[in-house]
């Protein structure tokens, strides 16, 4: 097997794993009813857009599609960080409400272990990293 074929297979694998993360995220969000508030639709939107651009890159790779993929991966990473922030601040507000005597420092650890899973949105950050890795030194982006 030549290196070009191995590189192409690795890119396809990274794209497939990224797509699986997006689909898995959508499935899990539906299962837990993560759609009661407007902001809770954000990971659905990010995952839908990400999955669509992955399909475009998979079936019709072009320089433009790869550039759009990179921008969507940046959006995905930012959305992931927003999710971690929202989960933490939601847990922190709840902790402060039920324990009004806690200082901010005393509230941090319970907020990290709260009912909103702190690192769950991080799965989209992983998708963003893998999606960007699939474009690393891509032949269509040279020149």
N, C-alpha and C. Protein backbone atom coordinates (compact mmCIF):
# COMPACT_ATOMS: atom_id res chain seq x y z
N UNK A 1 0.84 -1.18 0.00
CA UNK A 1 0.00 0.00 0.00
C UNK A 1 0.89 1.24 0.00
N UNK A 2 0.66 2.16 -0.92
CA UNK A 2 1.47 3.38 -0.94
C UNK A 2 0.97 4.37 0.10
N UNK A 3 1.78 5.38 0.41
CA UNK A 3 1.46 6.32 1.48
C UNK A 3 0.24 7.17 1.14
N UNK A 4 0.03 7.45 -0.14
CA UNK A 4 -1.12 8.25 -0.52
C UNK A 4 -2.41 7.51 -0.19
N UNK A 5 -2.46 6.25 -0.47
CA UNK A 5 -3.64 5.45 -0.16
C UNK A 5 -3.86 5.38 1.35
N UNK A 6 -2.78 5.21 2.11
CA UNK A 6 -2.89 5.17 3.57
C UNK A 6 -3.38 6.50 4.10
N UNK A 7 -2.88 7.59 3.53
CA UNK A 7 -3.31 8.92 3.94
C UNK A 7 -4.79 9.13 3.63
N UNK A 8 -5.23 8.72 2.46
CA UNK A 8 -6.64 8.84 2.09
C UNK A 8 -7.52 8.01 3.02
N UNK A 9 -7.07 6.82 3.36
CA UNK A 9 -7.85 5.97 4.28
C UNK A 9 -7.95 6.60 5.66
N UNK A 10 -6.85 7.19 6.12
CA UNK A 10 -6.87 7.85 7.42
C UNK A 10 -7.84 9.04 7.40
N UNK A 11 -7.81 9.82 6.33
CA UNK A 11 -8.74 10.95 6.21
C UNK A 11 -10.20 10.46 6.24
N UNK A 12 -10.48 9.41 5.51
CA UNK A 12 -11.84 8.86 5.47
C UNK A 12 -12.25 8.37 6.86
N UNK A 13 -11.32 7.70 7.54
CA UNK A 13 -11.61 7.21 8.89
C UNK A 13 -11.93 8.37 9.82
N UNK A 14 -11.13 9.44 9.78
CA UNK A 14 -11.37 10.60 10.64
C UNK A 14 -12.72 11.25 10.32
N UNK A 15 -13.04 11.34 9.04
CA UNK A 15 -14.34 11.90 8.66
C UNK A 15 -15.48 11.02 9.15
N UNK A 16 -15.32 9.70 9.05
CA UNK A 16 -16.36 8.77 9.49
C UNK A 16 -16.56 8.84 11.00
N UNK A 17 -15.48 8.91 11.76
CA UNK A 17 -15.59 9.01 13.22
C UNK A 17 -16.26 10.33 13.60
N UNK A 18 -15.89 11.40 12.92
CA UNK A 18 -16.51 12.70 13.19
C UNK A 18 -18.01 12.65 12.90
N UNK A 19 -18.39 12.04 11.79
CA UNK A 19 -19.81 11.90 11.46
C UNK A 19 -20.53 11.06 12.51
N UNK A 20 -19.89 10.00 12.98
CA UNK A 20 -20.50 9.15 14.01
C UNK A 20 -20.70 9.93 15.31
N UNK A 21 -19.76 10.80 15.64
CA UNK A 21 -19.91 11.62 16.85
C UNK A 21 -21.11 12.55 16.70
N UNK A 22 -21.24 13.18 15.53
CA UNK A 22 -22.39 14.07 15.31
C UNK A 22 -23.71 13.30 15.41
N UNK A 23 -23.80 12.16 14.76
CA UNK A 23 -25.04 11.37 14.81
C UNK A 23 -25.32 10.87 16.21
N UNK A 24 -24.27 10.40 16.91
CA UNK A 24 -24.44 9.94 18.28
C UNK A 24 -24.89 11.05 19.21
N UNK A 25 -24.36 12.24 18.99
CA UNK A 25 -24.75 13.39 19.80
C UNK A 25 -26.23 13.71 19.61
N UNK A 26 -26.67 13.72 18.37
CA UNK A 26 -28.09 14.00 18.08
C UNK A 26 -28.96 12.94 18.75
N UNK A 27 -28.59 11.69 18.61
CA UNK A 27 -29.36 10.59 19.19
C UNK A 27 -29.45 10.74 20.72
N UNK A 28 -28.32 10.99 21.36
CA UNK A 28 -28.32 11.13 22.81
C UNK A 28 -29.13 12.34 23.27
N UNK A 29 -29.02 13.45 22.55
CA UNK A 29 -29.78 14.65 22.92
C UNK A 29 -31.28 14.40 22.83
N UNK A 30 -31.71 13.65 21.83
CA UNK A 30 -33.13 13.30 21.72
C UNK A 30 -33.54 12.42 22.90
N UNK A 31 -32.70 11.44 23.23
CA UNK A 31 -33.02 10.52 24.32
C UNK A 31 -33.20 11.24 25.66
N UNK A 32 -32.38 12.25 25.91
CA UNK A 32 -32.47 12.93 27.20
C UNK A 32 -33.42 14.14 27.18
N UNK A 33 -34.06 14.40 26.05
CA UNK A 33 -35.00 15.51 25.95
C UNK A 33 -34.33 16.87 26.03
N UNK A 34 -33.21 17.02 25.37
CA UNK A 34 -32.41 18.24 25.41
C UNK A 34 -32.94 19.25 24.40
N UNK A 35 -34.22 19.61 24.56
CA UNK A 35 -34.82 20.54 23.60
C UNK A 35 -35.93 21.39 24.21
N UNK A 36 -35.93 21.54 25.52
CA UNK A 36 -36.98 22.33 26.17
C UNK A 36 -36.77 23.84 26.02
N UNK A 37 -35.52 24.27 26.00
CA UNK A 37 -35.21 25.69 25.89
C UNK A 37 -34.52 25.96 24.54
N UNK A 38 -34.62 27.18 24.09
CA UNK A 38 -34.06 27.55 22.78
C UNK A 38 -32.58 27.23 22.67
N UNK A 39 -31.79 27.58 23.70
CA UNK A 39 -30.35 27.33 23.65
C UNK A 39 -30.03 25.84 23.57
N UNK A 40 -30.93 24.99 24.05
CA UNK A 40 -30.68 23.56 24.01
C UNK A 40 -30.73 23.00 22.59
N UNK A 41 -31.20 23.78 21.65
CA UNK A 41 -31.21 23.34 20.25
C UNK A 41 -29.85 23.58 19.56
N UNK A 42 -28.98 24.34 20.22
CA UNK A 42 -27.67 24.67 19.63
C UNK A 42 -26.87 23.43 19.22
N UNK A 43 -26.71 22.42 20.10
CA UNK A 43 -25.93 21.25 19.66
C UNK A 43 -26.58 20.48 18.52
N UNK A 44 -27.92 20.52 18.44
CA UNK A 44 -28.60 19.89 17.30
C UNK A 44 -28.20 20.61 16.01
N UNK A 45 -28.27 21.92 16.03
CA UNK A 45 -27.94 22.72 14.85
C UNK A 45 -26.47 22.52 14.43
N UNK A 46 -25.59 22.58 15.42
CA UNK A 46 -24.16 22.38 15.13
C UNK A 46 -23.92 20.99 14.55
N UNK A 47 -24.55 19.98 15.14
CA UNK A 47 -24.35 18.60 14.66
C UNK A 47 -24.93 18.41 13.27
N UNK A 48 -26.08 19.01 13.00
CA UNK A 48 -26.68 18.89 11.66
C UNK A 48 -25.79 19.54 10.60
N UNK A 49 -25.34 20.76 10.88
CA UNK A 49 -24.48 21.46 9.93
C UNK A 49 -23.17 20.69 9.73
N UNK A 50 -22.59 20.23 10.83
CA UNK A 50 -21.35 19.46 10.74
C UNK A 50 -21.51 18.20 9.93
N UNK A 51 -22.60 17.48 10.17
CA UNK A 51 -22.83 16.24 9.44
C UNK A 51 -23.02 16.49 7.94
N UNK A 52 -23.74 17.54 7.62
CA UNK A 52 -23.99 17.87 6.20
C UNK A 52 -22.69 18.21 5.49
N UNK A 53 -21.83 19.03 6.10
CA UNK A 53 -20.58 19.38 5.42
C UNK A 53 -19.66 18.16 5.33
N UNK A 54 -19.74 17.27 6.30
CA UNK A 54 -18.96 16.03 6.21
C UNK A 54 -19.41 15.20 5.01
N UNK A 55 -20.71 15.15 4.79
CA UNK A 55 -21.22 14.41 3.62
C UNK A 55 -20.71 15.03 2.32
N UNK A 56 -20.72 16.36 2.28
CA UNK A 56 -20.22 17.05 1.08
C UNK A 56 -18.75 16.71 0.85
N UNK A 57 -17.95 16.78 1.89
CA UNK A 57 -16.52 16.49 1.76
C UNK A 57 -16.30 15.02 1.40
N UNK A 58 -17.13 14.14 1.94
CA UNK A 58 -16.99 12.70 1.66
C UNK A 58 -17.27 12.39 0.19
N UNK A 59 -18.39 12.95 -0.32
CA UNK A 59 -18.83 12.60 -1.67
C UNK A 59 -18.34 13.53 -2.78
N UNK A 60 -18.10 14.80 -2.45
CA UNK A 60 -17.63 15.77 -3.46
C UNK A 60 -16.55 16.65 -2.86
N UNK A 61 -15.40 16.07 -2.56
CA UNK A 61 -14.35 16.89 -1.95
C UNK A 61 -13.86 17.98 -2.91
N UNK A 62 -13.71 19.16 -2.37
CA UNK A 62 -13.18 20.30 -3.13
C UNK A 62 -12.49 21.22 -2.13
N UNK A 63 -11.71 22.14 -2.67
CA UNK A 63 -11.03 23.10 -1.80
C UNK A 63 -12.05 23.91 -0.99
N UNK A 64 -13.10 24.35 -1.66
CA UNK A 64 -14.13 25.14 -0.99
C UNK A 64 -14.81 24.34 0.13
N UNK A 65 -15.14 23.10 -0.14
CA UNK A 65 -15.80 22.25 0.87
C UNK A 65 -14.88 22.03 2.07
N UNK A 66 -13.59 21.85 1.82
CA UNK A 66 -12.65 21.64 2.92
C UNK A 66 -12.48 22.90 3.77
N UNK A 67 -12.47 24.05 3.12
CA UNK A 67 -12.39 25.32 3.86
C UNK A 67 -13.65 25.51 4.70
N UNK A 68 -14.81 25.22 4.12
CA UNK A 68 -16.06 25.32 4.88
C UNK A 68 -16.05 24.33 6.05
N UNK A 69 -15.54 23.13 5.80
CA UNK A 69 -15.44 22.14 6.87
C UNK A 69 -14.61 22.68 8.03
N UNK A 70 -13.49 23.30 7.73
CA UNK A 70 -12.66 23.86 8.79
C UNK A 70 -13.40 24.93 9.59
N UNK A 71 -14.14 25.79 8.89
CA UNK A 71 -14.90 26.83 9.60
C UNK A 71 -16.01 26.21 10.45
N UNK A 72 -16.64 25.19 9.94
CA UNK A 72 -17.69 24.51 10.72
C UNK A 72 -17.08 23.82 11.94
N UNK A 73 -15.86 23.31 11.81
CA UNK A 73 -15.19 22.69 12.96
C UNK A 73 -14.86 23.74 14.02
N UNK A 74 -14.50 24.94 13.59
CA UNK A 74 -14.27 26.03 14.55
C UNK A 74 -15.58 26.37 15.26
N UNK A 75 -16.67 26.47 14.51
CA UNK A 75 -17.99 26.71 15.08
C UNK A 75 -18.35 25.60 16.08
N UNK A 76 -18.05 24.37 15.71
CA UNK A 76 -18.32 23.23 16.58
C UNK A 76 -17.54 23.35 17.88
N UNK A 77 -16.27 23.67 17.79
CA UNK A 77 -15.44 23.81 18.99
C UNK A 77 -15.97 24.92 19.89
N UNK A 78 -16.33 26.05 19.29
CA UNK A 78 -16.88 27.16 20.08
C UNK A 78 -18.21 26.78 20.71
N UNK A 79 -19.04 26.07 19.97
CA UNK A 79 -20.32 25.60 20.52
C UNK A 79 -20.10 24.64 21.68
N UNK A 80 -19.09 23.81 21.58
CA UNK A 80 -18.76 22.88 22.65
C UNK A 80 -18.35 23.64 23.91
N UNK A 81 -17.50 24.63 23.74
CA UNK A 81 -17.06 25.43 24.89
C UNK A 81 -18.24 26.19 25.50
N UNK A 82 -19.13 26.69 24.66
CA UNK A 82 -20.34 27.34 25.16
C UNK A 82 -21.17 26.36 25.99
N UNK A 83 -21.30 25.13 25.52
CA UNK A 83 -22.05 24.11 26.25
C UNK A 83 -21.46 23.81 27.61
N UNK A 84 -20.13 23.67 27.66
CA UNK A 84 -19.46 23.43 28.95
C UNK A 84 -19.73 24.60 29.89
N UNK A 85 -19.62 25.82 29.37
CA UNK A 85 -19.88 27.01 30.17
C UNK A 85 -21.33 27.03 30.69
N UNK A 86 -22.28 26.76 29.80
CA UNK A 86 -23.69 26.79 30.21
C UNK A 86 -24.01 25.69 31.22
N UNK A 87 -23.44 24.51 31.02
CA UNK A 87 -23.66 23.43 31.99
C UNK A 87 -23.09 23.83 33.35
N UNK A 88 -21.88 24.37 33.35
CA UNK A 88 -21.26 24.75 34.62
C UNK A 88 -22.04 25.86 35.31
N UNK A 89 -22.40 26.91 34.57
CA UNK A 89 -23.11 28.02 35.21
C UNK A 89 -24.51 27.60 35.69
N UNK A 90 -25.15 26.68 34.96
CA UNK A 90 -26.43 26.16 35.43
C UNK A 90 -26.28 25.39 36.73
N UNK A 91 -25.26 24.54 36.80
CA UNK A 91 -25.00 23.80 38.03
C UNK A 91 -24.61 24.73 39.17
N UNK A 92 -23.80 25.75 38.85
CA UNK A 92 -23.36 26.70 39.87
C UNK A 92 -24.55 27.47 40.43
N UNK A 93 -25.44 27.92 39.57
CA UNK A 93 -26.63 28.65 40.03
C UNK A 93 -27.48 27.77 40.94
N UNK A 94 -27.66 26.51 40.57
CA UNK A 94 -28.44 25.59 41.39
C UNK A 94 -27.76 25.35 42.74
N UNK A 95 -26.46 25.15 42.72
CA UNK A 95 -25.71 24.93 43.96
C UNK A 95 -25.82 26.13 44.88
N UNK A 96 -25.71 27.32 44.32
CA UNK A 96 -25.80 28.55 45.14
C UNK A 96 -27.21 28.75 45.68
N UNK A 97 -28.21 28.29 44.90
CA UNK A 97 -29.60 28.43 45.34
C UNK A 97 -29.91 27.50 46.52
N UNK A 98 -29.45 26.26 46.45
CA UNK A 98 -29.78 25.32 47.53
C UNK A 98 -28.82 25.42 48.71
N UNK A 99 -27.69 26.07 48.51
CA UNK A 99 -26.71 26.29 49.59
C UNK A 99 -26.30 27.76 49.63
N UNK A 100 -27.21 28.64 50.04
CA UNK A 100 -26.89 30.07 49.98
C UNK A 100 -25.72 30.49 50.88
N UNK A 101 -25.38 29.66 51.85
CA UNK A 101 -24.27 30.02 52.73
C UNK A 101 -22.91 29.70 52.11
N UNK A 102 -22.87 28.94 51.02
CA UNK A 102 -21.61 28.57 50.37
C UNK A 102 -20.97 29.82 49.75
N UNK A 103 -19.66 29.89 49.88
CA UNK A 103 -18.93 30.91 49.14
C UNK A 103 -18.82 30.43 47.68
N UNK A 104 -18.35 31.31 46.83
CA UNK A 104 -18.15 30.92 45.43
C UNK A 104 -17.18 29.75 45.36
N UNK A 105 -16.09 29.83 46.11
CA UNK A 105 -15.10 28.75 46.10
C UNK A 105 -15.71 27.43 46.57
N UNK A 106 -16.55 27.47 47.56
CA UNK A 106 -17.19 26.24 48.07
C UNK A 106 -18.21 25.69 47.08
N UNK A 107 -18.72 26.52 46.21
CA UNK A 107 -19.74 26.11 45.25
C UNK A 107 -19.17 25.45 44.00
N UNK A 108 -17.90 25.66 43.73
CA UNK A 108 -17.32 25.19 42.46
C UNK A 108 -17.33 23.67 42.34
N UNK A 109 -16.85 22.96 43.36
CA UNK A 109 -16.78 21.50 43.25
C UNK A 109 -18.18 20.88 43.09
N UNK A 110 -19.17 21.26 43.92
CA UNK A 110 -20.52 20.71 43.69
C UNK A 110 -21.08 21.07 42.31
N UNK A 111 -20.73 22.25 41.80
CA UNK A 111 -21.20 22.65 40.47
C UNK A 111 -20.57 21.78 39.39
N UNK A 112 -19.33 21.37 39.60
CA UNK A 112 -18.67 20.50 38.62
C UNK A 112 -19.31 19.11 38.60
N UNK A 113 -19.91 18.70 39.71
CA UNK A 113 -20.53 17.38 39.80
C UNK A 113 -22.04 17.45 39.67
N UNK A 114 -22.58 18.59 39.25
CA UNK A 114 -24.03 18.81 39.21
C UNK A 114 -24.77 17.97 38.20
N UNK A 115 -26.06 18.20 38.12
CA UNK A 115 -26.93 17.38 37.26
C UNK A 115 -26.70 17.62 35.77
N UNK A 116 -26.20 18.81 35.40
CA UNK A 116 -25.85 19.02 34.00
C UNK A 116 -24.43 18.49 33.81
N UNK A 117 -24.23 17.46 33.02
CA UNK A 117 -22.89 16.88 32.89
C UNK A 117 -21.91 17.89 32.29
N UNK A 118 -20.91 18.20 33.07
CA UNK A 118 -19.97 19.26 32.73
C UNK A 118 -19.24 19.02 31.41
N UNK A 119 -18.79 17.80 31.18
CA UNK A 119 -17.97 17.54 30.00
C UNK A 119 -18.74 16.93 28.82
N UNK A 120 -20.02 16.72 28.96
CA UNK A 120 -20.80 16.14 27.86
C UNK A 120 -20.68 16.97 26.58
N UNK A 121 -20.75 18.29 26.65
CA UNK A 121 -20.58 19.06 25.41
C UNK A 121 -19.20 18.92 24.80
N UNK A 122 -18.24 18.43 25.57
CA UNK A 122 -16.88 18.26 25.07
C UNK A 122 -16.76 17.28 23.92
N UNK A 123 -17.74 16.41 23.77
CA UNK A 123 -17.70 15.45 22.66
C UNK A 123 -17.70 16.19 21.32
N UNK A 124 -18.36 17.33 21.26
CA UNK A 124 -18.35 18.11 20.02
C UNK A 124 -16.98 18.75 19.78
N UNK A 125 -16.26 19.05 20.85
CA UNK A 125 -14.90 19.55 20.69
C UNK A 125 -14.02 18.48 20.06
N UNK A 126 -14.22 17.24 20.52
CA UNK A 126 -13.48 16.12 19.93
C UNK A 126 -13.81 15.98 18.44
N UNK A 127 -15.09 16.12 18.10
CA UNK A 127 -15.48 16.06 16.69
C UNK A 127 -14.76 17.15 15.89
N UNK A 128 -14.67 18.34 16.45
CA UNK A 128 -14.01 19.45 15.77
C UNK A 128 -12.53 19.15 15.53
N UNK A 129 -11.87 18.60 16.53
CA UNK A 129 -10.44 18.28 16.39
C UNK A 129 -10.24 17.21 15.31
N UNK A 130 -11.08 16.17 15.34
CA UNK A 130 -10.95 15.10 14.35
C UNK A 130 -11.28 15.59 12.94
N UNK A 131 -12.31 16.44 12.83
CA UNK A 131 -12.66 16.99 11.52
C UNK A 131 -11.55 17.85 10.95
N UNK A 132 -10.91 18.65 11.80
CA UNK A 132 -9.78 19.46 11.34
C UNK A 132 -8.60 18.57 10.98
N UNK A 133 -8.37 17.53 11.76
CA UNK A 133 -7.26 16.62 11.48
C UNK A 133 -7.42 15.97 10.11
N UNK A 134 -8.65 15.73 9.70
CA UNK A 134 -8.90 15.11 8.39
C UNK A 134 -8.49 16.03 7.24
N UNK A 135 -8.37 17.32 7.52
CA UNK A 135 -7.98 18.27 6.47
C UNK A 135 -6.51 18.63 6.52
N UNK A 136 -5.79 18.10 7.50
CA UNK A 136 -4.38 18.46 7.68
C UNK A 136 -3.56 18.12 6.44
N UNK A 137 -2.92 19.10 5.87
CA UNK A 137 -2.09 18.96 4.67
C UNK A 137 -2.81 18.21 3.54
N UNK A 138 -4.10 18.50 3.42
CA UNK A 138 -4.89 17.87 2.37
C UNK A 138 -4.41 18.35 1.00
N UNK A 139 -4.29 17.45 0.03
CA UNK A 139 -3.78 17.85 -1.30
C UNK A 139 -4.60 18.95 -1.97
N UNK A 140 -5.90 18.97 -1.72
CA UNK A 140 -6.75 19.99 -2.35
C UNK A 140 -6.54 21.37 -1.76
N UNK A 141 -5.91 21.45 -0.59
CA UNK A 141 -5.67 22.73 0.05
C UNK A 141 -4.29 23.29 -0.23
N UNK A 142 -3.49 22.56 -0.97
CA UNK A 142 -2.15 23.03 -1.31
C UNK A 142 -2.22 24.02 -2.46
N UNK A 143 -1.33 25.04 -2.37
CA UNK A 143 -1.24 25.97 -3.48
C UNK A 143 -2.28 26.93 -3.49
